[in-house]
């Protein structure tokens, strides 16, 4: 495989690059689905490590990502297809591509470095810009609507559950008090409100957890992930692999529990003497513990510190 430094691009550094390619590809003549194209790093890695008979299908809901990656992957256009869609619709995408089963599926969950670094997208608390946070710019729900229209109780619940923020109630109350005076329009205004809820010093930016929570709500990230895992397993060939990279505990917990459920099969209560649900094991879990980035990658890519890779193989 090529040197990892050569896989980096100005768009987005692919996380766990070697580990993903090594564990995902089981048939060099196979068909692979990259559910989260981003800057195209992982799609390119798969294309470089399969034969000319192999193929990669990529999905992304961000038009900006597709435009960038399309230029990057121009040399592979004869065996690469891309579709603008949410990866929860991966089965429909495969149907449009003329494929029903694939040899491997990759999901790199969350927001890309470039989306975070783009001042106009409203993902980051580092820039003062209009509240947005939509991965798909055509979506009707943005951070602006969540912050200004959600009831206080719902806002508090989202910030607590999706951000694991202990000051969720106070932050939600402060947001509602401020929006009663005037609409909260920018990330800078939201950051200032969140800061008021914190007392004393904090190691991490006080807005980090709340921004994460609102972004997850806007893009339905956890709901989409659960739907996508179910569909992905159905779309794998026997022996095919599903690889998922997560970046925070909420995502990783969903993946770990879903993989365990799919491996177990039967969901009957343990006190029943025989199975009545009829569910059979669908996968074998290949990673009892997640694969994490090595020291070499951590030097180049700070985002890799929280990354976890889990894999299953269809049986």
C-alpha atoms as a PDB file:
ATOM      1  CA  UNK A   1       0.000   0.000   0.000  1.00  0.00           C
ATOM      2  CA  UNK A   2       1.083   3.575  -0.624  1.00  0.00           C
ATOM      3  CA  UNK A   3       2.619   5.810   2.040  1.00  0.00           C
ATOM      4  CA  UNK A   4      -0.045   7.230   4.345  1.00  0.00           C
ATOM      5  CA  UNK A   5       1.146  10.806   3.801  1.00  0.00           C
ATOM      6  CA  UNK A   6       0.249  10.460   0.117  1.00  0.00           C
ATOM      7  CA  UNK A   7      -3.345   9.586   0.984  1.00  0.00           C
ATOM      8  CA  UNK A   8      -3.958  12.918   2.680  1.00  0.00           C
ATOM      9  CA  UNK A   9      -5.738  15.683   0.784  1.00  0.00           C
ATOM     10  CA  UNK A  10      -6.653  19.287   1.388  1.00  0.00           C
ATOM     11  CA  UNK A  11     -10.272  18.156   1.703  1.00  0.00           C
ATOM     12  CA  UNK A  12     -10.215  15.528   4.401  1.00  0.00           C
ATOM     13  CA  UNK A  13      -7.690  13.158   5.973  1.00  0.00           C
ATOM     14  CA  UNK A  14      -9.081   9.607   5.876  1.00  0.00           C
ATOM     15  CA  UNK A  15      -9.118   8.137   9.360  1.00  0.00           C
ATOM     16  CA  UNK A  16      -7.901   4.566  10.038  1.00  0.00           C
ATOM     17  CA  UNK A  17      -6.991   4.314   6.356  1.00  0.00           C
ATOM     18  CA  UNK A  18      -4.733   1.231   6.419  1.00  0.00           C
ATOM     19  CA  UNK A  19      -6.828  -0.619   8.981  1.00  0.00           C
ATOM     20  CA  UNK A  20     -10.013  -0.071   6.980  1.00  0.00           C
ATOM     21  CA  UNK A  21      -8.603  -1.154   3.624  1.00  0.00           C
ATOM     22  CA  UNK A  22      -6.862  -4.191   5.084  1.00  0.00           C
ATOM     23  CA  UNK A  23      -9.957  -5.485   6.874  1.00  0.00           C
ATOM     24  CA  UNK A  24     -12.670  -4.520   4.386  1.00  0.00           C
ATOM     25  CA  UNK A  25     -11.353  -5.980   1.122  1.00  0.00           C
ATOM     26  CA  UNK A  26     -11.918  -9.741   0.891  1.00  0.00           C
ATOM     27  CA  UNK A  27     -12.232 -10.037  -2.898  1.00  0.00           C
ATOM     28  CA  UNK A  28     -10.068  -7.849  -5.139  1.00  0.00           C
ATOM     29  CA  UNK A  29     -12.546  -8.389  -7.993  1.00  0.00           C
ATOM     30  CA  UNK A  30     -15.507  -7.425  -5.813  1.00  0.00           C
ATOM     31  CA  UNK A  31     -17.942  -4.533  -5.492  1.00  0.00           C
ATOM     32  CA  UNK A  32     -17.622  -2.176  -2.512  1.00  0.00           C
ATOM     33  CA  UNK A  33     -19.937   0.527  -1.164  1.00  0.00           C
ATOM     34  CA  UNK A  34     -18.578   3.635   0.569  1.00  0.00           C
ATOM     35  CA  UNK A  35     -21.592   5.111   2.350  1.00  0.00           C
ATOM     36  CA  UNK A  36     -19.823   8.328   3.385  1.00  0.00           C
ATOM     37  CA  UNK A  37     -17.673   9.566   0.492  1.00  0.00           C
ATOM     38  CA  UNK A  38     -16.401  12.792   2.097  1.00  0.00           C
ATOM     39  CA  UNK A  39     -13.157  13.806   0.410  1.00  0.00           C
ATOM     40  CA  UNK A  40     -12.880  10.434  -1.299  1.00  0.00           C
ATOM     41  CA  UNK A  41      -9.921   9.145   0.720  1.00  0.00           C
ATOM     42  CA  UNK A  42     -11.377   5.779   1.629  1.00  0.00           C
ATOM     43  CA  UNK A  43     -13.047   5.306  -1.772  1.00  0.00           C
ATOM     44  CA  UNK A  44      -9.711   5.990  -3.454  1.00  0.00           C
ATOM     45  CA  UNK A  45      -7.972   3.580  -1.080  1.00  0.00           C
ATOM     46  CA  UNK A  46     -10.379   0.785  -2.000  1.00  0.00           C
ATOM     47  CA  UNK A  47     -10.037   1.522  -5.719  1.00  0.00           C
ATOM     48  CA  UNK A  48      -6.232   1.408  -5.456  1.00  0.00           C
ATOM     49  CA  UNK A  49      -6.304  -1.942  -3.704  1.00  0.00           C
ATOM     50  CA  UNK A  50      -8.801  -3.857  -5.859  1.00  0.00           C
ATOM     51  CA  UNK A  51      -8.352  -5.085  -9.414  1.00  0.00           C
ATOM     52  CA  UNK A  52      -9.581  -3.480 -12.628  1.00  0.00           C
ATOM     53  CA  UNK A  53     -12.498  -5.911 -12.446  1.00  0.00           C
ATOM     54  CA  UNK A  54     -13.564  -4.485  -9.090  1.00  0.00           C
ATOM     55  CA  UNK A  55     -15.867  -1.524  -8.507  1.00  0.00           C
ATOM     56  CA  UNK A  56     -16.659   1.112  -5.867  1.00  0.00           C
ATOM     57  CA  UNK A  57     -20.024   2.824  -5.375  1.00  0.00           C
ATOM     58  CA  UNK A  58     -20.006   5.926  -3.178  1.00  0.00           C
ATOM     59  CA  UNK A  59     -22.744   7.926  -1.449  1.00  0.00           C
ATOM     60  CA  UNK A  60     -22.761  11.409   0.066  1.00  0.00           C
ATOM     61  CA  UNK A  61     -25.492  13.933   0.775  1.00  0.00           C
ATOM     62  CA  UNK A  62     -23.068  16.864   0.588  1.00  0.00           C
ATOM     63  CA  UNK A  63     -22.813  18.304  -2.924  1.00  0.00           C
ATOM     64  CA  UNK A  64     -19.525  20.007  -2.048  1.00  0.00           C
ATOM     65  CA  UNK A  65     -17.955  16.677  -1.092  1.00  0.00           C
ATOM     66  CA  UNK A  66     -19.157  15.012  -4.291  1.00  0.00           C
ATOM     67  CA  UNK A  67     -17.731  17.782  -6.484  1.00  0.00           C
ATOM     68  CA  UNK A  68     -14.333  17.564  -4.805  1.00  0.00           C
ATOM     69  CA  UNK A  69     -14.153  13.771  -4.775  1.00  0.00           C
ATOM     70  CA  UNK A  70     -15.297  13.523  -8.398  1.00  0.00           C
ATOM     71  CA  UNK A  71     -12.203  15.461  -9.491  1.00  0.00           C
ATOM     72  CA  UNK A  72      -9.965  13.411  -7.231  1.00  0.00           C
ATOM     73  CA  UNK A  73     -11.369  10.095  -8.468  1.00  0.00           C
ATOM     74  CA  UNK A  74     -11.514  11.041 -12.162  1.00  0.00           C
ATOM     75  CA  UNK A  75      -8.818   8.419 -13.028  1.00  0.00           C
ATOM     76  CA  UNK A  76     -11.137   5.678 -11.716  1.00  0.00           C
ATOM     77  CA  UNK A  77     -14.364   6.789 -13.409  1.00  0.00           C
ATOM     78  CA  UNK A  78     -14.699   3.539 -15.382  1.00  0.00           C
ATOM     79  CA  UNK A  79     -15.164   1.566 -12.148  1.00  0.00           C
ATOM     80  CA  UNK A  80     -16.509   4.197  -9.764  1.00  0.00           C
ATOM     81  CA  UNK A  81     -20.048   5.533  -9.370  1.00  0.00           C
ATOM     82  CA  UNK A  82     -21.303   8.217  -6.996  1.00  0.00           C
ATOM     83  CA  UNK A  83     -24.814   9.133  -5.847  1.00  0.00           C
ATOM     84  CA  UNK A  84     -26.075  12.136  -3.884  1.00  0.00           C
ATOM     85  CA  UNK A  85     -28.234  10.619  -1.169  1.00  0.00           C
ATOM     86  CA  UNK A  86     -28.418   9.849   2.533  1.00  0.00           C
ATOM     87  CA  UNK A  87     -26.760   6.528   3.294  1.00  0.00           C
ATOM     88  CA  UNK A  88     -29.904   5.286   5.010  1.00  0.00           C
ATOM     89  CA  UNK A  89     -31.072   4.767   1.402  1.00  0.00           C
ATOM     90  CA  UNK A  90     -28.094   2.559   0.523  1.00  0.00           C
ATOM     91  CA  UNK A  91     -30.368  -0.227  -0.759  1.00  0.00           C
ATOM     92  CA  UNK A  92     -32.009   2.161  -3.244  1.00  0.00           C
ATOM     93  CA  UNK A  93     -28.592   3.437  -4.342  1.00  0.00           C
ATOM     94  CA  UNK A  94     -27.381  -0.093  -5.025  1.00  0.00           C
ATOM     95  CA  UNK A  95     -30.546  -0.764  -7.038  1.00  0.00           C
ATOM     96  CA  UNK A  96     -29.853   2.343  -9.163  1.00  0.00           C
ATOM     97  CA  UNK A  97     -26.274   1.136  -9.645  1.00  0.00           C
ATOM     98  CA  UNK A  98     -27.562  -2.226 -10.845  1.00  0.00           C
ATOM     99  CA  UNK A  99     -26.222  -4.118  -7.829  1.00  0.00           C
ATOM    100  CA  UNK A 100     -28.124  -6.070  -5.207  1.00  0.00           C
ATOM    101  CA  UNK A 101     -25.308  -7.501  -3.117  1.00  0.00           C
ATOM    102  CA  UNK A 102     -21.787  -6.235  -2.496  1.00  0.00           C
ATOM    103  CA  UNK A 103     -18.563  -7.618  -1.025  1.00  0.00           C
ATOM    104  CA  UNK A 104     -17.972  -4.846   1.482  1.00  0.00           C
ATOM    105  CA  UNK A 105     -19.595  -1.734   2.940  1.00  0.00           C
ATOM    106  CA  UNK A 106     -17.872   1.152   4.741  1.00  0.00           C
ATOM    107  CA  UNK A 107     -19.448   3.859   6.913  1.00  0.00           C
ATOM    108  CA  UNK A 108     -17.247   6.685   8.230  1.00  0.00           C
ATOM    109  CA  UNK A 109     -19.728   8.374  10.560  1.00  0.00           C
ATOM    110  CA  UNK A 110     -19.921  12.048  11.487  1.00  0.00           C
ATOM    111  CA  UNK A 111     -18.814  15.369  10.117  1.00  0.00           C
ATOM    112  CA  UNK A 112     -15.676  15.740   7.996  1.00  0.00           C
ATOM    113  CA  UNK A 113     -12.749  18.017   8.813  1.00  0.00           C
ATOM    114  CA  UNK A 114     -13.612  20.185   5.828  1.00  0.00           C
ATOM    115  CA  UNK A 115     -17.217  20.647   6.912  1.00  0.00           C
ATOM    116  CA  UNK A 116     -15.946  21.707  10.338  1.00  0.00           C
ATOM    117  CA  UNK A 117     -13.404  24.081   8.802  1.00  0.00           C
ATOM    118  CA  UNK A 118     -15.882  25.687   6.387  1.00  0.00           C
ATOM    119  CA  UNK A 119     -16.987  28.934   8.062  1.00  0.00           C
ATOM    120  CA  UNK A 120     -20.185  29.063   6.015  1.00  0.00           C
ATOM    121  CA  UNK A 121     -21.571  25.703   7.184  1.00  0.00           C
ATOM    122  CA  UNK A 122     -22.119  26.559  10.858  1.00  0.00           C
ATOM    123  CA  UNK A 123     -20.760  23.249  12.182  1.00  0.00           C
ATOM    124  CA  UNK A 124     -18.002  24.746  14.299  1.00  0.00           C
ATOM    125  CA  UNK A 125     -18.042  26.937  17.403  1.00  0.00           C
ATOM    126  CA  UNK A 126     -14.723  28.416  16.205  1.00  0.00           C
ATOM    127  CA  UNK A 127     -16.399  30.680  13.649  1.00  0.00           C
ATOM    128  CA  UNK A 128     -19.175  33.227  14.012  1.00  0.00           C
ATOM    129  CA  UNK A 129     -21.566  32.449  11.181  1.00  0.00           C
ATOM    130  CA  UNK A 130     -25.240  31.703  10.588  1.00  0.00           C
ATOM    131  CA  UNK A 131     -26.596  28.659  12.407  1.00  0.00           C
ATOM    132  CA  UNK A 132     -26.894  25.806   9.908  1.00  0.00           C
ATOM    133  CA  UNK A 133     -25.109  22.432  10.469  1.00  0.00           C
ATOM    134  CA  UNK A 134     -26.879  20.678   7.579  1.00  0.00           C
ATOM    135  CA  UNK A 135     -24.844  18.029   5.783  1.00  0.00           C
ATOM    136  CA  UNK A 136     -27.486  18.164   3.050  1.00  0.00           C
ATOM    137  CA  UNK A 137     -28.071  21.842   2.275  1.00  0.00           C
ATOM    138  CA  UNK A 138     -31.482  21.055   0.782  1.00  0.00           C
ATOM    139  CA  UNK A 139     -32.795  19.747   4.117  1.00  0.00           C
ATOM    140  CA  UNK A 140     -35.567  21.956   5.609  1.00  0.00           C
ATOM    141  CA  UNK A 141     -34.285  21.542   9.190  1.00  0.00           C
ATOM    142  CA  UNK A 142     -31.187  23.454  10.243  1.00  0.00           C
ATOM    143  CA  UNK A 143     -29.626  24.388  13.569  1.00  0.00           C
ATOM    144  CA  UNK A 144     -31.470  27.708  13.347  1.00  0.00           C
ATOM    145  CA  UNK A 145     -34.860  25.955  13.615  1.00  0.00           C
ATOM    146  CA  UNK A 146     -33.691  23.631  16.401  1.00  0.00           C
ATOM    147  CA  UNK A 147     -32.338  26.511  18.502  1.00  0.00           C
ATOM    148  CA  UNK A 148     -35.205  28.929  17.893  1.00  0.00           C
ATOM    149  CA  UNK A 149     -38.264  26.690  17.552  1.00  0.00           C
ATOM    150  CA  UNK A 150     -37.824  23.600  19.734  1.00  0.00           C
ATOM    151  CA  UNK A 151     -39.596  23.653  23.129  1.00  0.00           C
ATOM    152  CA  UNK A 152     -37.261  24.036  26.098  1.00  0.00           C
ATOM    153  CA  UNK A 153     -37.871  20.487  27.348  1.00  0.00           C
ATOM    154  CA  UNK A 154     -37.080  18.955  23.958  1.00  0.00           C
ATOM    155  CA  UNK A 155     -34.003  21.141  23.550  1.00  0.00           C
ATOM    156  CA  UNK A 156     -32.736  20.100  26.978  1.00  0.00           C
ATOM    157  CA  UNK A 157     -33.329  16.415  26.205  1.00  0.00           C
ATOM    158  CA  UNK A 158     -31.377  16.623  22.921  1.00  0.00           C
ATOM    159  CA  UNK A 159     -28.434  18.435  24.505  1.00  0.00           C
ATOM    160  CA  UNK A 160     -28.316  15.959  27.404  1.00  0.00           C
ATOM    161  CA  UNK A 161     -28.745  12.758  25.390  1.00  0.00           C
ATOM    162  CA  UNK A 162     -26.829  13.607  22.206  1.00  0.00           C
ATOM    163  CA  UNK A 163     -24.192  15.831  23.788  1.00  0.00           C
ATOM    164  CA  UNK A 164     -23.949  14.098  27.166  1.00  0.00           C
ATOM    165  CA  UNK A 165     -23.922  17.628  28.563  1.00  0.00           C
ATOM    166  CA  UNK A 166     -24.448  17.911  32.349  1.00  0.00           C
ATOM    167  CA  UNK A 167     -25.536  21.553  32.046  1.00  0.00           C
ATOM    168  CA  UNK A 168     -28.191  20.713  29.435  1.00  0.00           C
ATOM    169  CA  UNK A 169     -31.159  22.111  31.366  1.00  0.00           C
ATOM    170  CA  UNK A 170     -29.419  25.367  32.170  1.00  0.00           C
ATOM    171  CA  UNK A 171     -28.229  25.801  28.569  1.00  0.00           C
ATOM    172  CA  UNK A 172     -31.732  25.098  27.200  1.00  0.00           C
ATOM    173  CA  UNK A 173     -33.252  27.579  29.640  1.00  0.00           C
ATOM    174  CA  UNK A 174     -30.746  30.294  28.727  1.00  0.00           C
ATOM    175  CA  UNK A 175     -31.359  29.682  25.004  1.00  0.00           C
ATOM    176  CA  UNK A 176     -35.123  30.061  25.453  1.00  0.00           C
ATOM    177  CA  UNK A 177     -34.723  33.225  27.527  1.00  0.00           C
ATOM    178  CA  UNK A 178     -32.528  34.824  24.860  1.00  0.00           C
ATOM    179  CA  UNK A 179     -34.685  33.812  21.888  1.00  0.00           C
ATOM    180  CA  UNK A 180     -37.693  35.404  23.606  1.00  0.00           C
ATOM    181  CA  UNK A 181     -35.845  38.710  23.270  1.00  0.00           C
ATOM    182  CA  UNK A 182     -34.629  38.123  19.687  1.00  0.00           C
ATOM    183  CA  UNK A 183     -33.956  35.190  17.383  1.00  0.00           C
ATOM    184  CA  UNK A 184     -30.565  33.506  17.843  1.00  0.00           C
ATOM    185  CA  UNK A 185     -29.055  33.701  14.370  1.00  0.00           C
ATOM    186  CA  UNK A 186     -25.346  32.929  14.614  1.00  0.00           C
ATOM    187  CA  UNK A 187     -22.993  30.365  16.111  1.00  0.00           C
ATOM    188  CA  UNK A 188     -21.261  33.172  17.987  1.00  0.00           C
ATOM    189  CA  UNK A 189     -24.488  34.161  19.739  1.00  0.00           C
ATOM    190  CA  UNK A 190     -25.114  30.533  20.700  1.00  0.00           C
ATOM    191  CA  UNK A 191     -21.573  30.103  22.047  1.00  0.00           C
ATOM    192  CA  UNK A 192     -21.967  33.164  24.278  1.00  0.00           C
ATOM    193  CA  UNK A 193     -25.209  31.772  25.711  1.00  0.00           C
ATOM    194  CA  UNK A 194     -23.626  28.378  26.396  1.00  0.00           C
ATOM    195  CA  UNK A 195     -20.616  29.989  28.114  1.00  0.00           C
ATOM    196  CA  UNK A 196     -22.962  31.548  30.688  1.00  0.00           C
ATOM    197  CA  UNK A 197     -24.074  28.081  31.804  1.00  0.00           C
ATOM    198  CA  UNK A 198     -20.511  27.075  32.703  1.00  0.00           C
ATOM    199  CA  UNK A 199     -18.932  28.023  36.002  1.00  0.00           C
ATOM    200  CA  UNK A 200     -15.183  27.819  36.439  1.00  0.00           C
ATOM    201  CA  UNK A 201     -12.667  26.478  33.941  1.00  0.00           C
ATOM    202  CA  UNK A 202     -13.185  23.565  31.569  1.00  0.00           C
ATOM    203  CA  UNK A 203     -10.602  21.565  29.610  1.00  0.00           C
ATOM    204  CA  UNK A 204     -12.753  21.376  26.496  1.00  0.00           C
ATOM    205  CA  UNK A 205     -14.610  24.203  24.799  1.00  0.00           C
ATOM    206  CA  UNK A 206     -17.930  24.702  26.646  1.00  0.00           C
ATOM    207  CA  UNK A 207     -19.889  24.676  23.365  1.00  0.00           C
ATOM    208  CA  UNK A 208     -18.427  21.393  22.079  1.00  0.00           C
ATOM    209  CA  UNK A 209     -21.091  19.061  23.478  1.00  0.00           C
ATOM    210  CA  UNK A 210     -24.063  21.276  22.658  1.00  0.00           C
ATOM    211  CA  UNK A 211     -22.906  21.814  19.077  1.00  0.00           C
ATOM    212  CA  UNK A 212     -22.458  18.059  18.692  1.00  0.00           C
ATOM    213  CA  UNK A 213     -25.970  17.449  20.025  1.00  0.00           C
ATOM    214  CA  UNK A 214     -27.626  19.972  17.718  1.00  0.00           C
ATOM    215  CA  UNK A 215     -25.711  18.640  14.694  1.00  0.00           C
ATOM    216  CA  UNK A 216     -26.842  15.080  15.470  1.00  0.00           C
ATOM    217  CA  UNK A 217     -30.456  16.251  15.724  1.00  0.00           C
ATOM    218  CA  UNK A 218     -30.323  18.298  12.512  1.00  0.00           C
ATOM    219  CA  UNK A 219     -28.916  15.395  10.496  1.00  0.00           C
ATOM    220  CA  UNK A 220     -30.749  12.570  12.338  1.00  0.00           C
ATOM    221  CA  UNK A 221     -27.359  10.879  12.637  1.00  0.00           C
ATOM    222  CA  UNK A 222     -28.113   8.192  15.208  1.00  0.00           C
ATOM    223  CA  UNK A 223     -31.468   7.263  13.696  1.00  0.00           C
ATOM    224  CA  UNK A 224     -29.923   7.035  10.234  1.00  0.00           C
ATOM    225  CA  UNK A 225     -27.071   4.871  11.561  1.00  0.00           C
ATOM    226  CA  UNK A 226     -29.425   2.244  13.009  1.00  0.00           C
ATOM    227  CA  UNK A 227     -31.457   2.056   9.784  1.00  0.00           C
ATOM    228  CA  UNK A 228     -28.301   1.867   7.658  1.00  0.00           C
ATOM    229  CA  UNK A 229     -26.735  -1.000   9.638  1.00  0.00           C
ATOM    230  CA  UNK A 230     -29.829  -3.181   9.163  1.00  0.00           C
ATOM    231  CA  UNK A 231     -29.940  -2.468   5.426  1.00  0.00           C
ATOM    232  CA  UNK A 232     -26.190  -2.896   4.978  1.00  0.00           C
ATOM    233  CA  UNK A 233     -26.161  -6.435   6.360  1.00  0.00           C
ATOM    234  CA  UNK A 234     -29.013  -7.418   4.033  1.00  0.00           C
ATOM    235  CA  UNK A 235     -27.063  -6.044   1.060  1.00  0.00           C
ATOM    236  CA  UNK A 236     -23.851  -7.970   1.810  1.00  0.00           C
ATOM    237  CA  UNK A 237     -22.872 -11.194   0.078  1.00  0.00           C
ATOM    238  CA  UNK A 238     -22.106 -14.151   2.326  1.00  0.00           C
ATOM    239  CA  UNK A 239     -18.597 -13.524   3.605  1.00  0.00           C
ATOM    240  CA  UNK A 240     -18.904  -9.813   2.856  1.00  0.00           C
ATOM    241  CA  UNK A 241     -17.875  -7.298   5.507  1.00  0.00           C
ATOM    242  CA  UNK A 242     -19.377  -4.181   7.055  1.00  0.00           C
ATOM    243  CA  UNK A 243     -16.868  -1.702   8.537  1.00  0.00           C
ATOM    244  CA  UNK A 244     -17.997   1.289  10.603  1.00  0.00           C
ATOM    245  CA  UNK A 245     -15.804   4.104  11.927  1.00  0.00           C
ATOM    246  CA  UNK A 246     -17.262   6.150  14.783  1.00  0.00           C
ATOM    247  CA  UNK A 247     -16.033   9.239  16.617  1.00  0.00           C
ATOM    248  CA  UNK A 248     -17.983   9.418  19.855  1.00  0.00           C
ATOM    249  CA  UNK A 249     -19.450   7.066  22.425  1.00  0.00           C
ATOM    250  CA  UNK A 250     -23.084   7.394  21.294  1.00  0.00           C
ATOM    251  CA  UNK A 251     -22.293   6.165  17.780  1.00  0.00           C
ATOM    252  CA  UNK A 252     -19.915   3.449  18.987  1.00  0.00           C
ATOM    253  CA  UNK A 253     -22.502   2.156  21.479  1.00  0.00           C
ATOM    254  CA  UNK A 254     -25.128   1.852  18.745  1.00  0.00           C
ATOM    255  CA  UNK A 255     -22.719  -0.006  16.447  1.00  0.00           C
ATOM    256  CA  UNK A 256     -21.472  -2.352  19.195  1.00  0.00           C
ATOM    257  CA  UNK A 257     -24.999  -3.205  20.386  1.00  0.00           C
ATOM    258  CA  UNK A 258     -26.395  -3.601  16.870  1.00  0.00           C
ATOM    259  CA  UNK A 259     -23.535  -5.901  15.848  1.00  0.00           C
ATOM    260  CA  UNK A 260     -24.063  -7.967  18.996  1.00  0.00           C
ATOM    261  CA  UNK A 261     -27.801  -8.208  18.286  1.00  0.00           C
ATOM    262  CA  UNK A 262     -27.215  -9.293  14.676  1.00  0.00           C
ATOM    263  CA  UNK A 263     -24.669 -11.894  15.796  1.00  0.00           C
ATOM    264  CA  UNK A 264     -26.983 -13.325  18.453  1.00  0.00           C
ATOM    265  CA  UNK A 265     -30.078 -13.610  16.253  1.00  0.00           C
ATOM    266  CA  UNK A 266     -32.714 -14.808  18.714  1.00  0.00           C
ATOM    267  CA  UNK A 267     -34.382 -12.039  20.741  1.00  0.00           C
ATOM    268  CA  UNK A 268     -36.615 -14.258  22.897  1.00  0.00           C
ATOM    269  CA  UNK A 269     -36.551 -13.790  26.686  1.00  0.00           C
ATOM    270  CA  UNK A 270     -34.034 -16.192  28.309  1.00  0.00           C
ATOM    271  CA  UNK A 271     -36.762 -17.854  30.390  1.00  0.00           C
ATOM    272  CA  UNK A 272     -38.435 -19.301  27.265  1.00  0.00           C
ATOM    273  CA  UNK A 273     -37.399 -22.951  26.737  1.00  0.00           C
ATOM    274  CA  UNK A 274     -37.469 -22.669  22.913  1.00  0.00           C
ATOM    275  CA  UNK A 275     -37.063 -19.856  20.406  1.00  0.00           C
ATOM    276  CA  UNK A 276     -40.327 -18.449  19.059  1.00  0.00           C
ATOM    277  CA  UNK A 277     -39.005 -15.319  17.313  1.00  0.00           C
ATOM    278  CA  UNK A 278     -37.321 -17.306  14.539  1.00  0.00           C
ATOM    279  CA  UNK A 279     -34.460 -14.834  14.182  1.00  0.00           C
ATOM    280  CA  UNK A 280     -31.136 -16.376  13.138  1.00  0.00           C
ATOM    281  CA  UNK A 281     -27.595 -15.014  13.535  1.00  0.00           C
ATOM    282  CA  UNK A 282     -26.729 -12.872  10.500  1.00  0.00           C
ATOM    283  CA  UNK A 283     -23.125 -11.866  11.140  1.00  0.00           C
ATOM    284  CA  UNK A 284     -19.933 -12.786  12.919  1.00  0.00           C
ATOM    285  CA  UNK A 285     -18.352  -9.937  14.889  1.00  0.00           C
ATOM    286  CA  UNK A 286     -14.685  -9.609  13.882  1.00  0.00           C
ATOM    287  CA  UNK A 287     -13.769  -6.928  16.425  1.00  0.00           C
ATOM    288  CA  UNK A 288     -14.611  -7.819  20.021  1.00  0.00           C
ATOM    289  CA  UNK A 289     -12.674  -4.650  20.838  1.00  0.00           C
ATOM    290  CA  UNK A 290     -12.601  -1.734  18.356  1.00  0.00           C
ATOM    291  CA  UNK A 291      -9.560  -1.015  16.197  1.00  0.00           C
ATOM    292  CA  UNK A 292      -8.042   2.359  17.079  1.00  0.00           C
ATOM    293  CA  UNK A 293      -5.450   4.550  15.378  1.00  0.00           C
ATOM    294  CA  UNK A 294      -1.764   3.815  15.841  1.00  0.00           C
ATOM    295  CA  UNK A 295       0.864   6.276  17.023  1.00  0.00           C
ATOM    296  CA  UNK A 296       1.974   7.087  13.464  1.00  0.00           C
ATOM    297  CA  UNK A 297      -1.489   8.234  12.399  1.00  0.00           C
ATOM    298  CA  UNK A 298      -2.065  10.221  15.575  1.00  0.00           C
ATOM    299  CA  UNK A 299       0.938  12.369  14.675  1.00  0.00           C
ATOM    300  CA  UNK A 300      -0.661  13.382  11.370  1.00  0.00           C
ATOM    301  CA  UNK A 301      -4.339  13.358  12.243  1.00  0.00           C
ATOM    302  CA  UNK A 302      -5.631  14.712  15.540  1.00  0.00           C
ATOM    303  CA  UNK A 303      -9.191  13.664  14.622  1.00  0.00           C
ATOM    304  CA  UNK A 304      -8.116  10.016  14.791  1.00  0.00           C
ATOM    305  CA  UNK A 305      -7.757  10.117  18.594  1.00  0.00           C
ATOM    306  CA  UNK A 306     -11.446   9.326  19.135  1.00  0.00           C
ATOM    307  CA  UNK A 307     -11.921   7.075  16.081  1.00  0.00           C
ATOM    308  CA  UNK A 308     -13.007   3.460  16.536  1.00  0.00           C
ATOM    309  CA  UNK A 309     -13.373   0.861  13.780  1.00  0.00           C
ATOM    310  CA  UNK A 310     -15.676  -2.149  14.195  1.00  0.00           C
ATOM    311  CA  UNK A 311     -16.324  -4.917  11.654  1.00  0.00           C
ATOM    312  CA  UNK A 312     -18.708  -7.781  11.080  1.00  0.00           C
ATOM    313  CA  UNK A 313     -18.772 -10.504   8.412  1.00  0.00           C
ATOM    314  CA  UNK A 314     -22.017 -11.832   6.998  1.00  0.00           C
ATOM    315  CA  UNK A 315     -22.604 -15.547   7.593  1.00  0.00           C
END
